[in-house]
């Protein structure tokens, strides 16, 4: 697999979240993110932007409906012949002034997902 192989298209995680990515020649990424956790529905689609250099990428989705921002950082790789994005993510939820700073730590979630075509 070459470092410049195309990431364009749809990707699905092991939990059902989806990415639709379009990568420009300069490495900038635009797309959409569909959430597949909690009370999310197919209609919950969020804008996504990011950067890609070689096999490394960073993506950020604005989860405006939930007053949150989620960023994924990871690698585009291949496993058993299948293209895959393996990424860690952080999600920061908005907290009110009354909750901040006591609940600030609990408003940041982290995890890992892998996405396949």
PDB file of N, CA and C in Angstrom:
ATOM      1  N   UNK A   1       0.848  -1.172   0.000  1.00  0.00           N
ATOM      2  CA  UNK A   1       0.000   0.000   0.000  1.00  0.00           C
ATOM      3  C   UNK A   1       0.893   1.234   0.000  1.00  0.00           C
ATOM      4  N   UNK A   2       0.633   2.153  -0.910  1.00  0.00           N
ATOM      5  CA  UNK A   2       1.455   3.359  -0.989  1.00  0.00           C
ATOM      6  C   UNK A   2       0.975   4.395   0.017  1.00  0.00           C
ATOM      7  N   UNK A   3       1.890   5.283   0.410  1.00  0.00           N
ATOM      8  CA  UNK A   3       1.539   6.332   1.369  1.00  0.00           C
ATOM      9  C   UNK A   3       0.553   7.331   0.782  1.00  0.00           C
ATOM     10  N   UNK A   4       0.460   7.383  -0.526  1.00  0.00           N
ATOM     11  CA  UNK A   4      -0.438   8.340  -1.154  1.00  0.00           C
ATOM     12  C   UNK A   4      -1.754   7.707  -1.603  1.00  0.00           C
ATOM     13  N   UNK A   5      -1.980   6.458  -1.210  1.00  0.00           N
ATOM     14  CA  UNK A   5      -3.219   5.784  -1.602  1.00  0.00           C
ATOM     15  C   UNK A   5      -4.429   6.591  -1.136  1.00  0.00           C
ATOM     16  N   UNK A   6      -5.459   6.552  -1.912  1.00  0.00           N
ATOM     17  CA  UNK A   6      -6.640   7.392  -1.725  1.00  0.00           C
ATOM     18  C   UNK A   6      -7.470   6.991  -0.506  1.00  0.00           C
ATOM     19  N   UNK A   7      -7.815   7.974   0.308  1.00  0.00           N
ATOM     20  CA  UNK A   7      -8.705   7.771   1.448  1.00  0.00           C
ATOM     21  C   UNK A   7     -10.143   8.144   1.130  1.00  0.00           C
ATOM     22  N   UNK A   8     -10.371   8.709  -0.052  1.00  0.00           N
ATOM     23  CA  UNK A   8     -11.718   9.155  -0.416  1.00  0.00           C
ATOM     24  C   UNK A   8     -12.715   8.013  -0.305  1.00  0.00           C
ATOM     25  N   UNK A   9     -13.900   8.347   0.191  1.00  0.00           N
ATOM     26  CA  UNK A   9     -14.966   7.362   0.260  1.00  0.00           C
ATOM     27  C   UNK A   9     -15.505   7.202   1.664  1.00  0.00           C
ATOM     28  N   UNK A  10     -16.339   6.174   1.826  1.00  0.00           N
ATOM     29  CA  UNK A  10     -16.974   5.920   3.119  1.00  0.00           C
ATOM     30  C   UNK A  10     -16.239   4.844   3.895  1.00  0.00           C
ATOM     31  N   UNK A  11     -16.184   5.057   5.208  1.00  0.00           N
ATOM     32  CA  UNK A  11     -15.536   4.152   6.146  1.00  0.00           C
ATOM     33  C   UNK A  11     -16.509   3.892   7.291  1.00  0.00           C
ATOM     34  N   UNK A  12     -16.510   2.671   7.826  1.00  0.00           N
ATOM     35  CA  UNK A  12     -17.409   2.311   8.919  1.00  0.00           C
ATOM     36  C   UNK A  12     -16.599   1.702  10.059  1.00  0.00           C
ATOM     37  N   UNK A  13     -16.898   2.141  11.295  1.00  0.00           N
ATOM     38  CA  UNK A  13     -16.179   1.620  12.463  1.00  0.00           C
ATOM     39  C   UNK A  13     -16.813   0.336  12.967  1.00  0.00           C
ATOM     40  N   UNK A  14     -16.137  -0.297  13.912  1.00  0.00           N
ATOM     41  CA  UNK A  14     -16.632  -1.529  14.504  1.00  0.00           C
ATOM     42  C   UNK A  14     -17.908  -1.309  15.310  1.00  0.00           C
ATOM     43  N   UNK A  15     -18.220  -0.057  15.667  1.00  0.00           N
ATOM     44  CA  UNK A  15     -19.460   0.237  16.401  1.00  0.00           C
ATOM     45  C   UNK A  15     -20.530   0.846  15.506  1.00  0.00           C
ATOM     46  N   UNK A  16     -20.228   1.004  14.203  1.00  0.00           N
ATOM     47  CA  UNK A  16     -21.221   1.503  13.262  1.00  0.00           C
ATOM     48  C   UNK A  16     -21.147   2.977  12.940  1.00  0.00           C
ATOM     49  N   UNK A  17     -20.228   3.724  13.566  1.00  0.00           N
ATOM     50  CA  UNK A  17     -20.037   5.121  13.179  1.00  0.00           C
ATOM     51  C   UNK A  17     -19.454   5.153  11.775  1.00  0.00           C
ATOM     52  N   UNK A  18     -19.747   6.241  11.040  1.00  0.00           N
ATOM     53  CA  UNK A  18     -19.283   6.301   9.649  1.00  0.00           C
ATOM     54  C   UNK A  18     -18.578   7.618   9.362  1.00  0.00           C
ATOM     55  N   UNK A  19     -17.619   7.539   8.454  1.00  0.00           N
ATOM     56  CA  UNK A  19     -16.917   8.703   7.920  1.00  0.00           C
ATOM     57  C   UNK A  19     -17.119   8.722   6.419  1.00  0.00           C
ATOM     58  N   UNK A  20     -17.326   9.896   5.853  1.00  0.00           N
ATOM     59  CA  UNK A  20     -17.296  10.089   4.399  1.00  0.00           C
ATOM     60  C   UNK A  20     -16.208  11.127   4.160  1.00  0.00           C
ATOM     61  N   UNK A  21     -15.109  10.717   3.523  1.00  0.00           N
ATOM     62  CA  UNK A  21     -13.937  11.575   3.388  1.00  0.00           C
ATOM     63  C   UNK A  21     -13.653  11.948   1.940  1.00  0.00           C
ATOM     64  N   UNK A  22     -13.225  13.196   1.757  1.00  0.00           N
ATOM     65  CA  UNK A  22     -12.708  13.677   0.478  1.00  0.00           C
ATOM     66  C   UNK A  22     -11.386  14.371   0.787  1.00  0.00           C
ATOM     67  N   UNK A  23     -10.298  13.865   0.191  1.00  0.00           N
ATOM     68  CA  UNK A  23      -8.966  14.402   0.453  1.00  0.00           C
ATOM     69  C   UNK A  23      -8.499  15.198  -0.749  1.00  0.00           C
ATOM     70  N   UNK A  24      -8.083  16.448  -0.511  1.00  0.00           N
ATOM     71  CA  UNK A  24      -7.555  17.316  -1.569  1.00  0.00           C
ATOM     72  C   UNK A  24      -6.074  17.008  -1.786  1.00  0.00           C
ATOM     73  N   UNK A  25      -5.521  17.411  -2.934  1.00  0.00           N
ATOM     74  CA  UNK A  25      -4.097  17.156  -3.207  1.00  0.00           C
ATOM     75  C   UNK A  25      -3.150  17.732  -2.150  1.00  0.00           C
ATOM     76  N   UNK A  26      -3.555  18.805  -1.467  1.00  0.00           N
ATOM     77  CA  UNK A  26      -2.691  19.402  -0.442  1.00  0.00           C
ATOM     78  C   UNK A  26      -2.786  18.687   0.906  1.00  0.00           C
ATOM     79  N   UNK A  27      -3.590  17.624   0.996  1.00  0.00           N
ATOM     80  CA  UNK A  27      -3.726  16.860   2.232  1.00  0.00           C
ATOM     81  C   UNK A  27      -4.872  17.299   3.121  1.00  0.00           C
ATOM     82  N   UNK A  28      -5.561  18.375   2.754  1.00  0.00           N
ATOM     83  CA  UNK A  28      -6.720  18.784   3.564  1.00  0.00           C
ATOM     84  C   UNK A  28      -7.864  17.802   3.336  1.00  0.00           C
ATOM     85  N   UNK A  29      -8.638  17.588   4.385  1.00  0.00           N
ATOM     86  CA  UNK A  29      -9.730  16.611   4.347  1.00  0.00           C
ATOM     87  C   UNK A  29     -11.030  17.321   4.701  1.00  0.00           C
ATOM     88  N   UNK A  30     -12.072  17.007   3.979  1.00  0.00           N
ATOM     89  CA  UNK A  30     -13.429  17.467   4.283  1.00  0.00           C
ATOM     90  C   UNK A  30     -14.328  16.244   4.242  1.00  0.00           C
ATOM     91  N   UNK A  31     -15.422  16.332   4.978  1.00  0.00           N
ATOM     92  CA  UNK A  31     -16.334  15.205   4.936  1.00  0.00           C
ATOM     93  C   UNK A  31     -17.451  15.308   5.939  1.00  0.00           C
ATOM     94  N   UNK A  32     -17.984  14.128   6.269  1.00  0.00           N
ATOM     95  CA  UNK A  32     -19.098  14.018   7.198  1.00  0.00           C
ATOM     96  C   UNK A  32     -18.831  12.880   8.166  1.00  0.00           C
ATOM     97  N   UNK A  33     -19.434  13.013   9.344  1.00  0.00           N
ATOM     98  CA  UNK A  33     -19.315  11.995  10.382  1.00  0.00           C
ATOM     99  C   UNK A  33     -20.708  11.640  10.876  1.00  0.00           C
ATOM    100  N   UNK A  34     -21.025  10.347  10.894  1.00  0.00           N
ATOM    101  CA  UNK A  34     -22.292   9.852  11.427  1.00  0.00           C
ATOM    102  C   UNK A  34     -22.003   9.142  12.733  1.00  0.00           C
ATOM    103  N   UNK A  35     -22.632   9.564  13.806  1.00  0.00           N
ATOM    104  CA  UNK A  35     -22.470   8.965  15.125  1.00  0.00           C
ATOM    105  C   UNK A  35     -23.303   7.707  15.249  1.00  0.00           C
ATOM    106  N   UNK A  36     -22.780   6.696  15.913  1.00  0.00           N
ATOM    107  CA  UNK A  36     -23.534   5.447  16.104  1.00  0.00           C
ATOM    108  C   UNK A  36     -23.534   5.022  17.565  1.00  0.00           C
ATOM    109  N   UNK A  37     -23.631   5.991  18.473  1.00  0.00           N
ATOM    110  CA  UNK A  37     -23.686   5.657  19.894  1.00  0.00           C
ATOM    111  C   UNK A  37     -24.799   6.449  20.551  1.00  0.00           C
ATOM    112  N   UNK A  38     -25.145   6.093  21.766  1.00  0.00           N
ATOM    113  CA  UNK A  38     -26.199   6.756  22.531  1.00  0.00           C
ATOM    114  C   UNK A  38     -27.513   6.734  21.755  1.00  0.00           C
ATOM    115  N   UNK A  39     -28.152   7.888  21.651  1.00  0.00           N
ATOM    116  CA  UNK A  39     -29.448   7.973  20.980  1.00  0.00           C
ATOM    117  C   UNK A  39     -29.305   8.433  19.530  1.00  0.00           C
ATOM    118  N   UNK A  40     -28.118   8.274  18.971  1.00  0.00           N
ATOM    119  CA  UNK A  40     -27.872   8.758  17.607  1.00  0.00           C
ATOM    120  C   UNK A  40     -28.755   8.031  16.600  1.00  0.00           C
ATOM    121  N   UNK A  41     -29.129   8.773  15.583  1.00  0.00           N
ATOM    122  CA  UNK A  41     -29.900   8.199  14.494  1.00  0.00           C
ATOM    123  C   UNK A  41     -29.184   8.473  13.188  1.00  0.00           C
ATOM    124  N   UNK A  42     -29.650   7.871  12.116  1.00  0.00           N
ATOM    125  CA  UNK A  42     -29.056   8.066  10.797  1.00  0.00           C
ATOM    126  C   UNK A  42     -29.068   9.540  10.389  1.00  0.00           C
ATOM    127  N   UNK A  43     -29.985  10.309  10.958  1.00  0.00           N
ATOM    128  CA  UNK A  43     -30.075  11.720  10.579  1.00  0.00           C
ATOM    129  C   UNK A  43     -29.025  12.584  11.282  1.00  0.00           C
ATOM    130  N   UNK A  44     -28.324  12.011  12.245  1.00  0.00           N
ATOM    131  CA  UNK A  44     -27.284  12.773  12.929  1.00  0.00           C
ATOM    132  C   UNK A  44     -25.984  12.722  12.135  1.00  0.00           C
ATOM    133  N   UNK A  45     -25.855  13.681  11.249  1.00  0.00           N
ATOM    134  CA  UNK A  45     -24.641  13.785  10.439  1.00  0.00           C
ATOM    135  C   UNK A  45     -23.991  15.117  10.775  1.00  0.00           C
ATOM    136  N   UNK A  46     -22.682  15.099  10.899  1.00  0.00           N
ATOM    137  CA  UNK A  46     -21.952  16.277  11.351  1.00  0.00           C
ATOM    138  C   UNK A  46     -20.801  16.589  10.391  1.00  0.00           C
ATOM    139  N   UNK A  47     -20.466  17.875  10.231  1.00  0.00           N
ATOM    140  CA  UNK A  47     -19.356  18.255   9.361  1.00  0.00           C
ATOM    141  C   UNK A  47     -18.022  17.827   9.957  1.00  0.00           C
ATOM    142  N   UNK A  48     -17.090  17.516   9.080  1.00  0.00           N
ATOM    143  CA  UNK A  48     -15.780  17.021   9.487  1.00  0.00           C
ATOM    144  C   UNK A  48     -14.705  17.697   8.639  1.00  0.00           C
ATOM    145  N   UNK A  49     -13.603  18.075   9.260  1.00  0.00           N
ATOM    146  CA  UNK A  49     -12.439  18.613   8.552  1.00  0.00           C
ATOM    147  C   UNK A  49     -11.201  17.920   9.103  1.00  0.00           C
ATOM    148  N   UNK A  50     -10.103  17.992   8.350  1.00  0.00           N
ATOM    149  CA  UNK A  50      -8.889  17.362   8.849  1.00  0.00           C
ATOM    150  C   UNK A  50      -7.705  17.560   7.938  1.00  0.00           C
ATOM    151  N   UNK A  51      -6.636  16.839   8.286  1.00  0.00           N
ATOM    152  CA  UNK A  51      -5.386  16.874   7.539  1.00  0.00           C
ATOM    153  C   UNK A  51      -4.851  15.466   7.397  1.00  0.00           C
ATOM    154  N   UNK A  52      -4.140  15.250   6.302  1.00  0.00           N
ATOM    155  CA  UNK A  52      -3.502  13.972   6.067  1.00  0.00           C
ATOM    156  C   UNK A  52      -2.113  14.222   5.515  1.00  0.00           C
ATOM    157  N   UNK A  53      -1.140  13.524   6.070  1.00  0.00           N
ATOM    158  CA  UNK A  53       0.209  13.546   5.522  1.00  0.00           C
ATOM    159  C   UNK A  53       0.719  12.114   5.513  1.00  0.00           C
ATOM    160  N   UNK A  54       1.003  11.591   4.336  1.00  0.00           N
ATOM    161  CA  UNK A  54       1.380  10.180   4.231  1.00  0.00           C
ATOM    162  C   UNK A  54       0.269   9.307   4.759  1.00  0.00           C
ATOM    163  N   UNK A  55       0.605   8.450   5.728  1.00  0.00           N
ATOM    164  CA  UNK A  55      -0.390   7.545   6.323  1.00  0.00           C
ATOM    165  C   UNK A  55      -0.966   8.071   7.634  1.00  0.00           C
ATOM    166  N   UNK A  56      -0.585   9.272   8.025  1.00  0.00           N
ATOM    167  CA  UNK A  56      -1.043   9.854   9.283  1.00  0.00           C
ATOM    168  C   UNK A  56      -2.174  10.835   9.005  1.00  0.00           C
ATOM    169  N   UNK A  57      -3.215  10.796   9.849  1.00  0.00           N
ATOM    170  CA  UNK A  57      -4.310  11.731   9.641  1.00  0.00           C
ATOM    171  C   UNK A  57      -4.894  12.215  10.956  1.00  0.00           C
ATOM    172  N   UNK A  58      -5.513  13.379  10.870  1.00  0.00           N
ATOM    173  CA  UNK A  58      -6.201  13.996  11.992  1.00  0.00           C
ATOM    174  C   UNK A  58      -7.537  14.509  11.468  1.00  0.00           C
ATOM    175  N   UNK A  59      -8.623  14.152  12.146  1.00  0.00           N
ATOM    176  CA  UNK A  59      -9.966  14.543  11.720  1.00  0.00           C
ATOM    177  C   UNK A  59     -10.715  15.139  12.906  1.00  0.00           C
ATOM    178  N   UNK A  60     -11.479  16.182  12.667  1.00  0.00           N
ATOM    179  CA  UNK A  60     -12.273  16.807  13.721  1.00  0.00           C
ATOM    180  C   UNK A  60     -13.702  17.004  13.234  1.00  0.00           C
ATOM    181  N   UNK A  61     -14.649  16.562  14.046  1.00  0.00           N
ATOM    182  CA  UNK A  61     -16.070  16.716  13.734  1.00  0.00           C
ATOM    183  C   UNK A  61     -16.712  17.662  14.741  1.00  0.00           C
ATOM    184  N   UNK A  62     -17.576  18.537  14.231  1.00  0.00           N
ATOM    185  CA  UNK A  62     -18.310  19.486  15.068  1.00  0.00           C
ATOM    186  C   UNK A  62     -19.677  18.870  15.371  1.00  0.00           C
ATOM    187  N   UNK A  63     -19.827  18.320  16.560  1.00  0.00           N
ATOM    188  CA  UNK A  63     -21.080  17.690  16.962  1.00  0.00           C
ATOM    189  C   UNK A  63     -21.987  18.749  17.587  1.00  0.00           C
ATOM    190  N   UNK A  64     -22.354  19.718  16.775  1.00  0.00           N
ATOM    191  CA  UNK A  64     -23.081  20.908  17.214  1.00  0.00           C
ATOM    192  C   UNK A  64     -24.350  20.579  17.980  1.00  0.00           C
ATOM    193  N   UNK A  65     -25.046  19.557  17.583  1.00  0.00           N
ATOM    194  CA  UNK A  65     -26.307  19.181  18.220  1.00  0.00           C
ATOM    195  C   UNK A  65     -26.096  18.775  19.681  1.00  0.00           C
ATOM    196  N   UNK A  66     -24.890  18.332  20.011  1.00  0.00           N
ATOM    197  CA  UNK A  66     -24.561  17.866  21.363  1.00  0.00           C
ATOM    198  C   UNK A  66     -23.587  18.806  22.065  1.00  0.00           C
ATOM    199  N   UNK A  67     -23.355  19.986  21.487  1.00  0.00           N
ATOM    200  CA  UNK A  67     -22.401  20.958  22.026  1.00  0.00           C
ATOM    201  C   UNK A  67     -21.064  20.288  22.340  1.00  0.00           C
ATOM    202  N   UNK A  68     -20.560  19.536  21.351  1.00  0.00           N
ATOM    203  CA  UNK A  68     -19.323  18.780  21.524  1.00  0.00           C
ATOM    204  C   UNK A  68     -18.443  18.887  20.281  1.00  0.00           C
ATOM    205  N   UNK A  69     -17.174  18.609  20.489  1.00  0.00           N
ATOM    206  CA  UNK A  69     -16.213  18.499  19.397  1.00  0.00           C
ATOM    207  C   UNK A  69     -15.467  17.189  19.590  1.00  0.00           C
ATOM    208  N   UNK A  70     -15.291  16.433  18.499  1.00  0.00           N
ATOM    209  CA  UNK A  70     -14.602  15.157  18.560  1.00  0.00           C
ATOM    210  C   UNK A  70     -13.456  15.159  17.554  1.00  0.00           C
ATOM    211  N   UNK A  71     -12.269  14.742  18.000  1.00  0.00           N
ATOM    212  CA  UNK A  71     -11.117  14.645  17.110  1.00  0.00           C
ATOM    213  C   UNK A  71     -10.570  13.229  17.123  1.00  0.00           C
ATOM    214  N   UNK A  72     -10.215  12.745  15.931  1.00  0.00           N
ATOM    215  CA  UNK A  72      -9.561  11.451  15.776  1.00  0.00           C
ATOM    216  C   UNK A  72      -8.157  11.700  15.247  1.00  0.00           C
ATOM    217  N   UNK A  73      -7.184  10.970  15.758  1.00  0.00           N
ATOM    218  CA  UNK A  73      -5.816  11.021  15.250  1.00  0.00           C
ATOM    219  C   UNK A  73      -5.361   9.590  15.083  1.00  0.00           C
ATOM    220  N   UNK A  74      -4.822   9.276  13.909  1.00  0.00           N
ATOM    221  CA  UNK A  74      -4.413   7.900  13.710  1.00  0.00           C
ATOM    222  C   UNK A  74      -3.678   7.661  12.420  1.00  0.00           C
ATOM    223  N   UNK A  75      -3.712   6.401  11.997  1.00  0.00           N
ATOM    224  CA  UNK A  75      -2.972   5.938  10.830  1.00  0.00           C
ATOM    225  C   UNK A  75      -3.890   5.239   9.836  1.00  0.00           C
ATOM    226  N   UNK A  76      -3.571   5.440   8.572  1.00  0.00           N
ATOM    227  CA  UNK A  76      -4.185   4.680   7.492  1.00  0.00           C
ATOM    228  C   UNK A  76      -3.254   3.507   7.248  1.00  0.00           C
ATOM    229  N   UNK A  77      -3.777   2.308   7.360  1.00  0.00           N
ATOM    230  CA  UNK A  77      -2.934   1.130   7.269  1.00  0.00           C
ATOM    231  C   UNK A  77      -3.676   0.011   6.537  1.00  0.00           C
ATOM    232  N   UNK A  78      -3.105  -1.149   6.553  1.00  0.00           N
ATOM    233  CA  UNK A  78      -3.724  -2.320   5.928  1.00  0.00           C
ATOM    234  C   UNK A  78      -3.560  -3.487   6.876  1.00  0.00           C
ATOM    235  N   UNK A  79      -4.635  -4.261   7.030  1.00  0.00           N
ATOM    236  CA  UNK A  79      -4.589  -5.427   7.888  1.00  0.00           C
ATOM    237  C   UNK A  79      -5.257  -6.588   7.181  1.00  0.00           C
ATOM    238  N   UNK A  80      -4.530  -7.667   7.006  1.00  0.00           N
ATOM    239  CA  UNK A  80      -5.030  -8.843   6.286  1.00  0.00           C
ATOM    240  C   UNK A  80      -5.569  -8.479   4.907  1.00  0.00           C
ATOM    241  N   UNK A  81      -4.889  -7.533   4.249  1.00  0.00           N
ATOM    242  CA  UNK A  81      -5.279  -7.128   2.908  1.00  0.00           C
ATOM    243  C   UNK A  81      -6.386  -6.096   2.833  1.00  0.00           C
ATOM    244  N   UNK A  82      -6.902  -5.656   3.988  1.00  0.00           N
ATOM    245  CA  UNK A  82      -7.993  -4.688   4.012  1.00  0.00           C
ATOM    246  C   UNK A  82      -7.490  -3.313   4.427  1.00  0.00           C
ATOM    247  N   UNK A  83      -7.834  -2.249   3.674  1.00  0.00           N
ATOM    248  CA  UNK A  83      -7.492  -0.899   4.103  1.00  0.00           C
ATOM    249  C   UNK A  83      -8.234  -0.566   5.397  1.00  0.00           C
ATOM    250  N   UNK A  84      -7.559   0.147   6.291  1.00  0.00           N
ATOM    251  CA  UNK A  84      -8.138   0.420   7.594  1.00  0.00           C
ATOM    252  C   UNK A  84      -7.610   1.746   8.135  1.00  0.00           C
ATOM    253  N   UNK A  85      -8.458   2.471   8.842  1.00  0.00           N
ATOM    254  CA  UNK A  85      -8.054   3.642   9.606  1.00  0.00           C
ATOM    255  C   UNK A  85      -8.125   3.237  11.074  1.00  0.00           C
ATOM    256  N   UNK A  86      -6.985   3.332  11.767  1.00  0.00           N
ATOM    257  CA  UNK A  86      -6.932   3.038  13.201  1.00  0.00           C
ATOM    258  C   UNK A  86      -6.663   4.348  13.911  1.00  0.00           C
ATOM    259  N   UNK A  87      -7.565   4.736  14.817  1.00  0.00           N
ATOM    260  CA  UNK A  87      -7.449   6.065  15.415  1.00  0.00           C
ATOM    261  C   UNK A  87      -7.913   6.092  16.868  1.00  0.00           C
ATOM    262  N   UNK A  88      -7.249   6.914  17.648  1.00  0.00           N
ATOM    263  CA  UNK A  88      -7.740   7.253  18.975  1.00  0.00           C
ATOM    264  C   UNK A  88      -8.578   8.515  18.829  1.00  0.00           C
ATOM    265  N   UNK A  89      -9.520   8.712  19.727  1.00  0.00           N
ATOM    266  CA  UNK A  89     -10.363   9.897  19.644  1.00  0.00           C
ATOM    267  C   UNK A  89     -10.530  10.527  21.018  1.00  0.00           C
ATOM    268  N   UNK A  90     -10.818  11.817  20.981  1.00  0.00           N
ATOM    269  CA  UNK A  90     -11.177  12.570  22.184  1.00  0.00           C
ATOM    270  C   UNK A  90     -12.428  13.361  21.862  1.00  0.00           C
ATOM    271  N   UNK A  91     -13.362  13.362  22.792  1.00  0.00           N
ATOM    272  CA  UNK A  91     -14.597  14.120  22.636  1.00  0.00           C
ATOM    273  C   UNK A  91     -14.709  15.052  23.836  1.00  0.00           C
ATOM    274  N   UNK A  92     -14.837  16.339  23.566  1.00  0.00           N
ATOM    275  CA  UNK A  92     -15.006  17.333  24.628  1.00  0.00           C
ATOM    276  C   UNK A  92     -16.436  17.853  24.588  1.00  0.00           C
ATOM    277  N   UNK A  93     -17.127  17.729  25.730  1.00  0.00           N
ATOM    278  CA  UNK A  93     -18.500  18.211  25.849  1.00  0.00           C
ATOM    279  C   UNK A  93     -18.492  19.576  26.522  1.00  0.00           C
ATOM    280  N   UNK A  94     -19.373  20.446  26.073  1.00  0.00           N
ATOM    281  CA  UNK A  94     -19.515  21.759  26.682  1.00  0.00           C
ATOM    282  C   UNK A  94     -20.083  21.605  28.095  1.00  0.00           C
ATOM    283  N   UNK A  95     -19.532  22.354  29.042  1.00  0.00           N
ATOM    284  CA  UNK A  95     -20.074  22.366  30.394  1.00  0.00           C
ATOM    285  C   UNK A  95     -20.377  23.807  30.772  1.00  0.00           C
ATOM    286  N   UNK A  96     -21.373  23.986  31.622  1.00  0.00           N
ATOM    287  CA  UNK A  96     -21.780  25.339  32.030  1.00  0.00           C
ATOM    288  C   UNK A  96     -20.741  25.940  32.980  1.00  0.00           C
ATOM    289  N   UNK A  97     -20.829  27.238  33.183  1.00  0.00           N
ATOM    290  CA  UNK A  97     -19.921  27.920  34.104  1.00  0.00           C
ATOM    291  C   UNK A  97     -20.042  27.349  35.515  1.00  0.00           C
ATOM    292  N   UNK A  98     -21.251  26.916  35.905  1.00  0.00           N
ATOM    293  CA  UNK A  98     -21.446  26.356  37.242  1.00  0.00           C
ATOM    294  C   UNK A  98     -20.736  25.011  37.391  1.00  0.00           C
ATOM    295  N   UNK A  99     -20.619  24.264  36.294  1.00  0.00           N
ATOM    296  CA  UNK A  99     -19.969  22.943  36.333  1.00  0.00           C
ATOM    297  C   UNK A  99     -18.462  23.028  36.133  1.00  0.00           C
ATOM    298  N   UNK A 100     -17.996  24.128  35.635  1.00  0.00           N
ATOM    299  CA  UNK A 100     -16.589  24.275  35.268  1.00  0.00           C
ATOM    300  C   UNK A 100     -15.861  24.999  36.402  1.00  0.00           C
ATOM    301  N   UNK A 101     -14.800  24.540  36.997  1.00  0.00           N
ATOM    302  CA  UNK A 101     -13.998  23.391  36.630  1.00  0.00           C
ATOM    303  C   UNK A 101     -14.325  22.064  37.317  1.00  0.00           C
ATOM    304  N   UNK A 102     -15.261  21.990  38.305  1.00  0.00           N
ATOM    305  CA  UNK A 102     -15.454  20.701  38.983  1.00  0.00           C
ATOM    306  C   UNK A 102     -15.736  19.524  38.043  1.00  0.00           C
ATOM    307  N   UNK A 103     -16.490  19.719  36.971  1.00  0.00           N
ATOM    308  CA  UNK A 103     -16.824  18.625  36.065  1.00  0.00           C
ATOM    309  C   UNK A 103     -16.031  18.662  34.767  1.00  0.00           C
ATOM    310  N   UNK A 104     -15.031  19.515  34.718  1.00  0.00           N
ATOM    311  CA  UNK A 104     -14.277  19.646  33.476  1.00  0.00           C
ATOM    312  C   UNK A 104     -13.628  18.328  33.054  1.00  0.00           C
ATOM    313  N   UNK A 105     -13.021  17.633  33.983  1.00  0.00           N
ATOM    314  CA  UNK A 105     -12.361  16.361  33.657  1.00  0.00           C
ATOM    315  C   UNK A 105     -13.314  15.314  33.121  1.00  0.00           C
ATOM    316  N   UNK A 106     -14.520  15.251  33.662  1.00  0.00           N
ATOM    317  CA  UNK A 106     -15.490  14.246  33.212  1.00  0.00           C
ATOM    318  C   UNK A 106     -16.166  14.641  31.899  1.00  0.00           C
ATOM    319  N   UNK A 107     -15.883  15.857  31.418  1.00  0.00           N
ATOM    320  CA  UNK A 107     -16.492  16.289  30.160  1.00  0.00           C
ATOM    321  C   UNK A 107     -15.634  15.930  28.956  1.00  0.00           C
ATOM    322  N   UNK A 108     -14.497  15.267  29.180  1.00  0.00           N
ATOM    323  CA  UNK A 108     -13.613  14.847  28.084  1.00  0.00           C
ATOM    324  C   UNK A 108     -13.548  13.326  28.075  1.00  0.00           C
ATOM    325  N   UNK A 109     -13.974  12.730  26.965  1.00  0.00           N
ATOM    326  CA  UNK A 109     -13.995  11.279  26.811  1.00  0.00           C
ATOM    327  C   UNK A 109     -12.932  10.878  25.805  1.00  0.00           C
ATOM    328  N   UNK A 110     -12.392   9.677  25.951  1.00  0.00           N
ATOM    329  CA  UNK A 110     -11.396   9.170  25.004  1.00  0.00           C
ATOM    330  C   UNK A 110     -11.738   7.742  24.614  1.00  0.00           C
ATOM    331  N   UNK A 111     -11.198   7.313  23.490  1.00  0.00           N
ATOM    332  CA  UNK A 111     -11.429   5.945  23.048  1.00  0.00           C
ATOM    333  C   UNK A 111     -10.629   5.611  21.804  1.00  0.00           C
ATOM    334  N   UNK A 112     -10.930   4.469  21.230  1.00  0.00           N
ATOM    335  CA  UNK A 112     -10.246   3.968  20.036  1.00  0.00           C
ATOM    336  C   UNK A 112     -11.278   3.358  19.106  1.00  0.00           C
ATOM    337  N   UNK A 113     -11.111   3.584  17.809  1.00  0.00           N
ATOM    338  CA  UNK A 113     -11.923   2.917  16.792  1.00  0.00           C
ATOM    339  C   UNK A 113     -11.061   2.561  15.600  1.00  0.00           C
ATOM    340  N   UNK A 114     -11.488   1.528  14.899  1.00  0.00           N
ATOM    341  CA  UNK A 114     -10.902   1.253  13.591  1.00  0.00           C
ATOM    342  C   UNK A 114     -12.037   1.283  12.565  1.00  0.00           C
ATOM    343  N   UNK A 115     -11.729   1.858  11.409  1.00  0.00           N
ATOM    344  CA  UNK A 115     -12.703   2.039  10.338  1.00  0.00           C
ATOM    345  C   UNK A 115     -12.256   1.243   9.125  1.00  0.00           C
ATOM    346  N   UNK A 116     -13.194   0.575   8.477  1.00  0.00           N
ATOM    347  CA  UNK A 116     -12.919  -0.175   7.256  1.00  0.00           C
ATOM    348  C   UNK A 116     -13.867   0.286   6.161  1.00  0.00           C
ATOM    349  N   UNK A 117     -13.511  -0.035   4.930  1.00  0.00           N
ATOM    350  CA  UNK A 117     -14.382   0.310   3.801  1.00  0.00           C
ATOM    351  C   UNK A 117     -15.506  -0.693   3.683  1.00  0.00           C
TER     352      UNK A 117
END
